[in-house]
Protein backbone atom coordinates (compact mmCIF):
# COMPACT_ATOMS: atom_id res chain seq x y z
CA MET A 1 135.76 118.56 93.80
CA ARG A 2 135.04 121.82 95.57
CA ILE A 3 131.43 122.32 96.69
CA PRO A 4 129.70 125.66 96.03
CA SER A 5 129.97 128.21 98.82
CA ILE A 6 126.85 129.08 100.83
CA PRO A 7 126.57 132.64 102.18
CA GLY A 8 126.99 132.88 105.94
CA PHE A 9 128.49 129.41 106.44
CA ASP A 10 132.03 128.17 106.91
CA GLN A 11 133.29 126.66 103.65
CA GLN A 12 135.88 124.39 105.30
CA ALA A 13 133.30 122.92 107.66
CA LEU A 14 130.92 122.26 104.78
CA GLU A 15 133.59 120.48 102.76
CA LYS A 16 134.51 118.32 105.76
CA TYR A 17 130.88 117.30 106.21
CA PHE A 18 130.33 116.49 102.55
CA LYS A 19 133.46 114.33 102.47
CA ASN A 20 131.81 112.20 105.17
CA THR A 21 128.27 112.20 103.76
CA GLY A 22 128.63 112.89 100.03
CA MET A 23 128.74 109.20 99.09
CA SER A 24 125.78 108.49 101.33
CA PHE A 25 123.82 111.25 99.58
CA ILE A 26 124.75 109.87 96.16
CA GLY A 27 123.67 106.43 97.35
CA LYS A 28 120.28 107.78 98.41
CA VAL A 29 119.79 109.42 95.01
CA GLY A 30 120.81 106.25 93.18
CA SER A 31 118.54 104.09 95.33
CA LEU A 32 115.72 106.57 94.80
CA ILE A 33 116.01 106.38 91.01
CA ILE A 34 115.99 102.57 91.13
CA THR A 35 112.96 102.54 93.43
CA MET A 36 111.01 105.04 91.35
CA LEU A 37 111.56 103.14 88.10
CA VAL A 38 110.54 99.85 89.70
CA ASN A 39 107.44 101.43 91.25
CA ILE A 40 106.37 102.67 87.81
CA LYS A 41 106.67 99.12 86.52
CA ILE A 42 104.66 97.77 89.47
CA ALA A 43 101.95 100.42 89.07
CA ASN A 44 101.58 99.65 85.36
CA TYR A 45 101.57 95.90 85.96
CA LEU A 46 99.04 95.87 88.81
CA HIS A 47 96.84 98.64 87.33
CA SER A 48 95.39 101.37 89.51
CA THR A 49 92.97 99.26 91.57
CA ASN A 50 95.44 96.60 92.70
CA PHE A 51 98.17 99.21 93.12
CA GLY A 52 95.78 101.13 95.40
CA ILE A 53 95.05 97.97 97.38
CA LEU A 54 98.78 97.30 97.82
CA ASN A 55 99.51 100.91 98.74
CA GLY A 56 96.67 100.81 101.29
CA ALA A 57 98.52 98.11 103.24
CA ILE A 58 101.86 99.92 103.00
CA THR A 59 100.30 103.19 104.14
CA TYR A 60 98.42 101.57 107.01
CA VAL A 61 101.57 100.06 108.48
CA TYR A 62 103.42 103.36 107.96
CA PHE A 63 101.21 104.94 110.65
CA PHE A 64 102.86 102.71 113.25
CA GLN A 65 106.50 103.15 112.24
CA ALA A 66 106.89 105.97 114.75
CA VAL A 67 105.84 103.53 117.49
CA THR A 68 108.13 100.72 116.34
CA SER A 69 111.15 103.01 115.89
CA LEU A 70 110.51 104.68 119.29
CA GLY A 71 112.25 107.82 117.99
CA LEU A 72 115.49 106.36 119.34
CA ASP A 73 117.96 106.86 116.50
CA TYR A 74 118.99 110.41 117.45
CA TYR A 75 119.58 109.40 121.08
CA ILE A 76 121.45 106.24 120.10
CA VAL A 77 123.92 108.36 118.11
CA LYS A 78 124.20 110.80 121.02
CA GLU A 79 124.83 108.03 123.58
CA LEU A 80 127.41 106.35 121.36
CA HIS A 81 129.23 109.67 120.96
CA GLN A 82 129.29 110.29 124.70
CA PHE A 83 129.93 106.73 125.89
CA PRO A 84 131.66 104.76 123.09
CA GLU A 85 132.93 102.22 125.62
CA ASN A 86 129.28 101.22 126.30
CA ARG A 87 128.60 100.36 122.66
CA ASP A 88 127.28 96.83 123.23
CA ARG A 89 125.07 97.90 126.11
CA ILE A 90 123.61 100.83 124.14
CA LEU A 91 122.95 98.78 121.01
CA GLY A 92 121.65 95.77 122.95
CA THR A 93 119.24 97.89 124.98
CA SER A 94 118.02 99.78 121.92
CA PHE A 95 117.54 96.55 119.98
CA ARG A 96 115.46 95.02 122.78
CA LEU A 97 113.31 98.15 123.06
CA LYS A 98 112.64 98.26 119.33
CA LEU A 99 111.91 94.54 119.21
CA MET A 100 109.35 94.87 122.02
CA ALA A 101 107.81 97.90 120.30
CA GLY A 102 107.48 95.87 117.09
CA LEU A 103 105.69 93.10 118.95
CA VAL A 104 103.36 95.56 120.71
CA ALA A 105 102.53 97.15 117.35
CA LEU A 106 100.99 93.90 116.02
CA PRO A 107 97.85 93.98 118.22
CA LEU A 108 97.69 97.80 117.92
CA ILE A 109 97.55 97.55 114.12
CA PHE A 110 94.85 94.85 114.39
CA LEU A 111 92.72 97.01 116.70
CA ALA A 112 93.17 100.08 114.51
CA TYR A 113 92.14 98.09 111.44
CA GLN A 114 88.95 96.97 113.16
CA VAL A 115 88.05 100.59 113.94
CA TYR A 116 89.03 102.17 110.60
CA PRO A 117 90.09 99.66 107.95
CA ALA A 118 91.49 100.47 104.51
CA ARG A 119 88.56 99.54 102.27
CA SER A 120 89.35 96.85 99.65
CA THR A 121 92.74 96.10 101.27
CA PRO A 122 92.53 92.66 102.99
CA TYR A 123 93.73 92.53 106.58
CA LEU A 124 96.09 89.72 105.51
CA PHE A 125 98.11 92.26 103.51
CA VAL A 126 98.31 94.58 106.50
CA LEU A 127 99.22 91.71 108.84
CA ILE A 128 102.09 90.57 106.62
CA LEU A 129 103.60 94.06 106.45
CA SER A 130 103.04 94.55 110.20
CA PHE A 131 106.09 92.38 110.81
CA THR A 132 108.35 95.11 109.38
CA GLY A 133 108.33 96.66 112.87
CA ILE A 134 109.97 93.53 114.28
CA ILE A 135 112.41 93.07 111.41
CA GLN A 136 113.63 96.67 111.43
CA SER A 137 114.68 96.45 115.09
CA VAL A 138 118.08 95.38 113.75
CA ASN A 139 118.40 98.74 111.99
CA ILE A 140 120.03 100.27 115.06
CA VAL A 141 123.24 99.36 113.24
CA ASP A 142 122.51 102.42 111.07
CA PRO A 143 122.88 105.00 113.90
CA TYR A 144 125.97 103.09 115.09
CA PHE A 145 127.75 103.70 111.77
CA GLN A 146 126.50 107.31 111.83
CA SER A 147 128.16 107.78 115.19
CA GLN A 148 131.39 106.44 113.68
CA VAL A 149 131.06 108.80 110.69
CA GLN A 150 130.93 105.69 108.47
CA SER A 151 127.64 106.21 106.67
CA LYS A 152 129.22 104.87 103.49
CA TYR A 153 128.71 101.33 104.81
CA ILE A 154 124.99 101.98 105.29
CA MET A 155 124.86 103.41 101.77
CA GLN A 156 126.47 100.27 100.38
CA VAL A 157 123.96 98.05 102.18
CA GLN A 158 121.03 100.13 100.95
CA VAL A 159 122.15 100.23 97.33
CA VAL A 160 122.79 96.46 97.20
CA SER A 161 119.44 95.78 98.92
CA TYR A 162 117.55 98.04 96.50
CA LEU A 163 119.20 96.37 93.52
CA ILE A 164 118.27 92.87 94.76
CA SER A 165 114.76 94.12 95.57
CA ALA A 166 114.43 95.55 92.06
CA VAL A 167 115.47 92.25 90.48
CA ILE A 168 112.95 90.34 92.62
CA LYS A 169 110.05 92.66 91.83
CA LEU A 170 110.82 92.81 88.12
CA SER A 171 111.02 89.00 88.12
CA LEU A 172 107.56 88.86 89.70
CA ILE A 173 106.30 91.01 86.83
CA TYR A 174 108.06 89.54 83.81
CA PHE A 175 108.68 85.88 84.70
CA PHE A 176 106.04 84.88 87.26
CA LYS A 177 103.10 87.16 86.33
CA ALA A 178 102.54 87.25 90.07
CA PRO A 179 99.35 88.30 91.87
CA VAL A 180 99.31 91.33 94.18
CA LEU A 181 99.85 89.18 97.31
CA TRP A 182 103.34 88.29 96.12
CA PHE A 183 104.24 91.97 96.00
CA VAL A 184 103.14 92.33 99.63
CA TYR A 185 105.68 89.65 100.56
CA ALA A 186 108.24 91.36 98.31
CA PHE A 187 107.89 94.65 100.20
CA LEU A 188 108.28 92.78 103.50
CA PHE A 189 111.36 91.07 102.10
CA ASP A 190 112.87 94.52 101.41
CA TRP A 191 113.19 94.95 105.20
CA VAL A 192 114.65 91.46 105.56
CA LEU A 193 117.31 92.33 102.98
CA LEU A 194 118.20 95.59 104.72
CA SER A 195 118.39 93.97 108.16
CA ALA A 196 120.50 91.08 106.88
CA GLY A 197 122.82 93.56 105.17
CA TYR A 198 123.21 95.59 108.36
CA ILE A 199 124.05 92.50 110.41
CA ILE A 200 126.57 91.19 107.86
CA THR A 201 128.27 94.61 107.59
CA TYR A 202 128.41 95.00 111.38
CA GLN A 203 129.93 91.53 111.78
CA ARG A 204 132.47 92.12 108.99
CA LYS A 205 133.77 95.18 110.84
CA GLY A 206 134.88 93.01 113.74
CA ARG A 207 131.73 93.48 115.86
CA SER A 208 129.25 90.87 117.00
CA ILE A 209 125.56 91.21 117.80
CA THR A 210 125.93 88.32 120.27
CA GLN A 211 127.79 90.75 122.54
CA TRP A 212 124.84 93.14 122.77
CA LYS A 213 123.50 93.48 126.33
CA TYR A 214 120.26 94.84 127.73
CA ASN A 215 120.30 97.37 130.60
CA GLY A 216 117.04 98.33 132.30
CA GLU A 217 118.29 101.66 133.64
CA LEU A 218 119.50 102.74 130.21
CA ALA A 219 116.20 101.61 128.68
CA ARG A 220 114.24 103.87 131.02
CA LYS A 221 116.59 106.75 130.20
CA LEU A 222 116.20 106.30 126.44
CA VAL A 223 112.41 106.03 126.60
CA SER A 224 112.15 109.08 128.87
CA TYR A 225 114.10 111.09 126.27
CA SER A 226 112.38 109.76 123.18
CA TRP A 227 108.68 109.74 124.09
CA PRO A 228 108.08 113.29 122.72
CA LEU A 229 109.59 112.14 119.42
CA ILE A 230 107.28 109.09 119.43
CA ILE A 231 104.23 111.35 119.78
CA SER A 232 105.62 113.72 117.17
CA GLY A 233 106.31 110.80 114.83
CA VAL A 234 102.74 109.52 115.17
CA MET A 235 101.47 113.04 114.40
CA VAL A 236 103.72 113.24 111.33
CA SER A 237 102.53 109.81 110.13
CA ILE A 238 98.88 110.84 110.38
CA TYR A 239 99.64 114.25 108.93
CA MET A 240 101.42 112.85 105.86
CA ARG A 241 99.46 109.64 105.16
CA ILE A 242 95.88 109.88 106.44
CA ASP A 243 94.78 111.46 103.14
CA GLN A 244 95.60 108.25 101.23
CA ILE A 245 93.48 106.03 103.49
CA MET A 246 90.64 108.58 103.49
CA LEU A 247 90.70 108.73 99.69
CA GLN A 248 90.61 104.93 99.44
CA ASN A 249 87.69 104.70 101.87
CA MET A 250 85.69 107.67 100.56
CA ARG A 251 86.22 106.96 96.84
CA ASN A 252 87.83 103.69 95.72
CA ALA A 253 91.11 101.78 95.47
CA ALA A 254 91.66 102.82 91.84
CA GLU A 255 91.79 106.53 92.74
CA ALA A 256 93.96 105.71 95.74
CA GLY A 257 96.35 103.87 93.41
CA ALA A 258 96.55 106.84 91.04
CA TYR A 259 97.11 109.20 93.96
CA ALA A 260 99.85 106.92 95.32
CA THR A 261 101.87 107.51 92.15
CA VAL A 262 101.54 111.27 92.77
CA VAL A 263 102.68 111.03 96.38
CA ARG A 264 105.68 108.85 95.57
CA PHE A 265 106.94 111.29 92.97
CA SER A 266 106.14 114.37 95.01
CA GLU A 267 107.72 113.13 98.25
CA ALA A 268 110.73 111.40 96.71
CA TRP A 269 113.00 114.38 97.36
CA TYR A 270 111.93 115.07 100.95
CA PHE A 271 115.20 113.65 102.29
CA ILE A 272 117.11 116.60 100.81
CA PRO A 273 116.14 119.26 103.40
CA SER A 274 117.13 116.92 106.24
CA VAL A 275 120.59 116.49 104.71
CA ILE A 276 121.00 120.23 104.17
CA VAL A 277 119.81 121.15 107.66
CA SER A 278 122.03 118.57 109.37
CA THR A 279 124.94 119.99 107.35
CA LEU A 280 124.38 123.65 108.16
CA PHE A 281 122.80 123.66 111.59
CA PRO A 282 125.99 123.15 113.64
CA ALA A 283 127.23 126.48 112.23
CA ILE A 284 123.88 128.08 113.06
CA LEU A 285 124.05 126.82 116.65
CA ASN A 286 127.59 128.17 117.01
CA ALA A 287 126.35 131.59 115.91
CA ARG A 288 123.52 131.42 118.46
CA ARG A 289 126.12 130.90 121.17
CA ASP A 290 128.50 133.62 119.98
CA ASP A 291 126.50 136.31 118.16
CA ILE A 292 122.69 136.49 118.14
CA ASN A 293 122.57 138.77 115.08
CA ARG A 294 124.72 136.36 113.08
CA TYR A 295 122.43 133.56 114.28
CA LYS A 296 119.40 135.37 112.81
CA ARG A 297 121.21 136.04 109.54
CA ARG A 298 122.20 132.41 109.21
CA LEU A 299 118.65 131.26 109.90
CA GLN A 300 117.39 133.63 107.20
CA ASN A 301 120.03 132.27 104.83
CA LEU A 302 118.88 128.74 105.60
CA TYR A 303 115.23 129.58 104.90
CA ASP A 304 116.30 131.30 101.69
CA LEU A 305 118.26 128.21 100.63
CA MET A 306 115.24 125.98 101.24
CA VAL A 307 113.17 128.15 98.90
CA TYR A 308 115.93 128.47 96.27
CA ILE A 309 115.96 124.66 95.97
CA SER A 310 112.28 123.78 96.37
CA LEU A 311 110.68 126.58 94.36
CA PRO A 312 112.43 125.90 91.01
CA ALA A 313 111.87 122.16 91.48
CA ALA A 314 108.14 122.73 92.05
CA ILE A 315 107.91 124.91 88.94
CA ILE A 316 109.76 122.39 86.76
CA ILE A 317 107.73 119.37 87.96
CA SER A 318 104.48 121.31 87.53
CA PHE A 319 105.19 121.79 83.82
CA ALA A 320 106.78 118.35 83.41
CA ALA A 321 103.93 116.40 85.08
CA PRO A 322 102.20 115.43 81.77
CA LEU A 323 105.52 114.13 80.45
CA ILE A 324 106.17 112.15 83.64
CA TYR A 325 102.82 110.41 83.29
CA LYS A 326 103.75 109.27 79.79
CA LEU A 327 105.75 106.64 81.70
CA PHE A 328 102.49 105.24 83.12
CA LYS A 329 99.60 103.53 81.45
CA PRO A 330 96.80 105.83 80.18
CA GLU A 331 94.56 104.94 83.15
CA TYR A 332 96.90 107.04 85.36
CA ALA A 333 97.01 110.08 83.07
CA TYR A 334 94.36 112.03 85.03
CA ALA A 335 96.79 112.16 87.97
CA ALA A 336 99.22 114.46 86.11
CA PRO A 337 97.43 117.72 87.09
CA VAL A 338 97.27 116.40 90.67
CA LEU A 339 101.07 116.03 90.72
CA ALA A 340 101.37 119.61 89.42
CA VAL A 341 99.48 120.75 92.55
CA HIS A 342 100.88 118.32 95.13
CA ILE A 343 104.52 119.07 94.25
CA TRP A 344 104.12 122.56 95.74
CA SER A 345 103.72 120.99 99.17
CA GLY A 346 107.47 120.40 99.05
CA VAL A 347 108.16 124.13 99.42
CA PHE A 348 106.45 124.09 102.82
CA VAL A 349 108.10 120.80 103.78
CA PHE A 350 111.55 122.28 103.11
CA LEU A 351 110.77 125.37 105.21
CA GLY A 352 109.16 123.24 107.92
CA VAL A 353 112.20 120.98 108.27
CA ALA A 354 114.49 124.00 108.67
CA ASN A 355 112.20 125.67 111.17
CA GLY A 356 111.67 122.41 113.05
CA GLN A 357 115.38 122.26 113.79
CA GLN A 358 115.22 125.85 115.06
CA LEU A 359 112.38 124.91 117.41
CA ILE A 360 114.45 122.04 118.83
CA ALA A 361 117.53 124.29 119.21
CA GLU A 362 115.51 126.85 121.19
CA ASP A 363 113.75 124.20 123.34
CA TYR A 364 110.33 124.44 121.70
CA VAL A 365 110.05 120.69 121.05
CA ARG A 366 106.44 120.62 122.26
CA MET A 367 105.51 123.31 119.74
CA SER A 368 106.94 121.12 116.98
CA PHE A 369 104.38 118.36 117.46
CA ILE A 370 101.57 120.80 118.33
CA ARG A 371 101.87 122.39 114.92
CA THR A 372 102.11 118.96 113.28
CA GLY A 373 98.91 117.99 115.09
CA PHE A 374 97.30 121.20 113.84
CA GLY A 375 98.33 120.29 110.29
CA ALA A 376 96.85 116.80 110.69
CA ILE A 377 93.50 118.24 111.85
CA VAL A 378 93.41 120.69 108.92
CA ASN A 379 94.26 117.84 106.52
CA ILE A 380 91.49 115.59 107.83
CA LEU A 381 88.83 118.32 107.79
CA LEU A 382 89.73 119.49 104.29
CA ASN A 383 89.78 115.92 102.98
CA LEU A 384 86.32 115.31 104.41
CA LEU A 385 85.15 118.44 102.58
CA LEU A 386 87.02 118.13 99.27
CA ILE A 387 87.32 114.39 98.49
CA PRO A 388 83.57 113.85 97.86
CA LYS A 389 83.52 116.83 95.47
CA MET A 390 86.92 116.69 93.77
CA GLY A 391 88.40 113.21 94.29
CA ILE A 392 92.19 113.01 94.10
CA MET A 393 92.56 116.67 93.18
CA GLY A 394 90.73 117.56 96.40
CA THR A 395 93.19 115.39 98.34
CA ALA A 396 96.17 117.19 96.78
CA ILE A 397 94.68 120.62 97.53
CA ALA A 398 93.92 119.58 101.13
CA THR A 399 97.51 118.36 101.57
CA LEU A 400 98.98 121.56 100.14
CA ILE A 401 96.88 123.79 102.41
CA ALA A 402 97.52 121.60 105.46
CA TYR A 403 101.30 121.68 104.93
CA ALA A 404 101.21 125.46 104.55
CA CYS A 405 99.09 125.85 107.70
CA SER A 406 101.38 123.59 109.70
CA THR A 407 104.56 125.37 108.59
CA PHE A 408 103.24 128.86 109.30
CA PHE A 409 101.25 127.97 112.42
CA ILE A 410 104.01 129.56 114.51
CA ILE A 411 102.97 133.02 113.26
CA LEU A 412 100.07 132.72 115.71
CA ILE A 413 102.51 132.25 118.62
CA PRO A 414 103.88 135.66 119.73
CA LYS A 415 107.29 134.39 120.88
CA LEU A 416 107.77 132.51 117.58
CA SER A 417 106.03 134.81 115.11
CA ARG A 418 109.34 136.35 114.03
CA GLN A 419 110.44 132.98 112.62
CA GLY A 420 107.21 132.78 110.65
CA ILE A 421 107.84 136.24 109.21
CA MET A 422 111.40 135.22 108.26
CA MET A 423 110.05 132.21 106.37
CA LEU A 424 107.48 134.40 104.60
CA LYS A 425 110.30 136.75 103.52
CA SER A 426 112.09 133.77 102.02
CA LEU A 427 108.95 132.32 100.43
CA PHE A 428 108.07 135.57 98.63
CA LEU A 429 111.75 136.24 97.80
CA VAL A 430 111.75 139.46 99.85
CA SER A 431 115.08 138.67 101.48
CA LEU A 432 116.55 137.80 98.05
CA PHE A 433 115.61 141.22 96.66
CA GLN A 434 116.96 142.86 99.81
CA LYS A 435 120.32 141.16 99.26
CA ILE A 436 120.36 142.22 95.59
CA PHE A 437 119.53 145.80 96.56
CA ILE A 438 122.32 145.90 99.17
CA PHE A 439 124.77 144.34 96.70
CA GLU A 440 123.91 146.96 94.03
CA LYS A 441 124.37 149.78 96.55
CA LYS A 442 127.85 148.49 97.31
């Protein structure tokens, strides 16, 4: 099947990429559908209060995933590309680093919970899920297969794991009538399934984790490269999740549970811009090297593409929100208008992902996490102001404004303001009308 052409980009290169990643993308979509359907069942079974309590534990541990992952995956792929003969040393060192980070995260999560706990969510729930940081240290097998352009194996592991996970969770609902604690263990077991699948797949391809070796010099090199990504990841975690904990603490677990259904629907498609950007950005970087004007045109085309995808989706979901919430029990129905607002955050996420890659390409990595930090501050302040007055709708409005402020923060920076203007042209369809006008003149 021939993929649609995208203006300004090499068709042959796009087709080559999609041959390598198309199945992985389909796997993500399939896994997403399975996960969403199961989450609806869990939300209806637990009701909003218990679902909020469960989500409080999941969200709390999410804050520390940037620490436990160490931002290493990109550099693991890069090292494996450059030094394939050092595979076992690279993977062994990365595994040890992630394992140590997972262990360090345990007391950090405990201390954070003492300072600002998630109200109504027992620490036991948080403690159980804290071990995901240790379990996911094995996931360095994922970047290994990426470096081999064999993402299909990762897709297969993920799909099988999600199917088994779905069966387990549905069994807890229909056969065991399980309490909420069992679902906490079930979500931890999701990581066990993934890790076991990665190990089995790696071993079946003629490799062995027993051959992994740790190297102190390489460890220092990897950490020295990745620490900005760790800080950025922490900022992103706070930026994208602090609203859920604030809502739970300032209102109650029931509202947090209803809002969790909104967030899961609204953010389900956030992997799409990353796939698109990773597909198109090599061509953009080539243009930057060869022809600066073509580079600017391709960036504008990328911003346009982000809007062409996210804007119609936001419009459709806004109108479809009441129908979506027919899938939930009536106690969740008041969250439908909240979804209609929150879904618009995706437009700014799509633009932000594209622009974030541009910042990295032009060596403005520090600016990337500065603007994320700015978005986090705006989000916290607006939540403090709006949650007491408006509840979950206030949280959605705060998130939407914070995402917009973060994405367009670069307009305030003189050397980057042009990129902000380019994104505004895409957002308000100015560049689209310019292209139509030029086409009609021809």
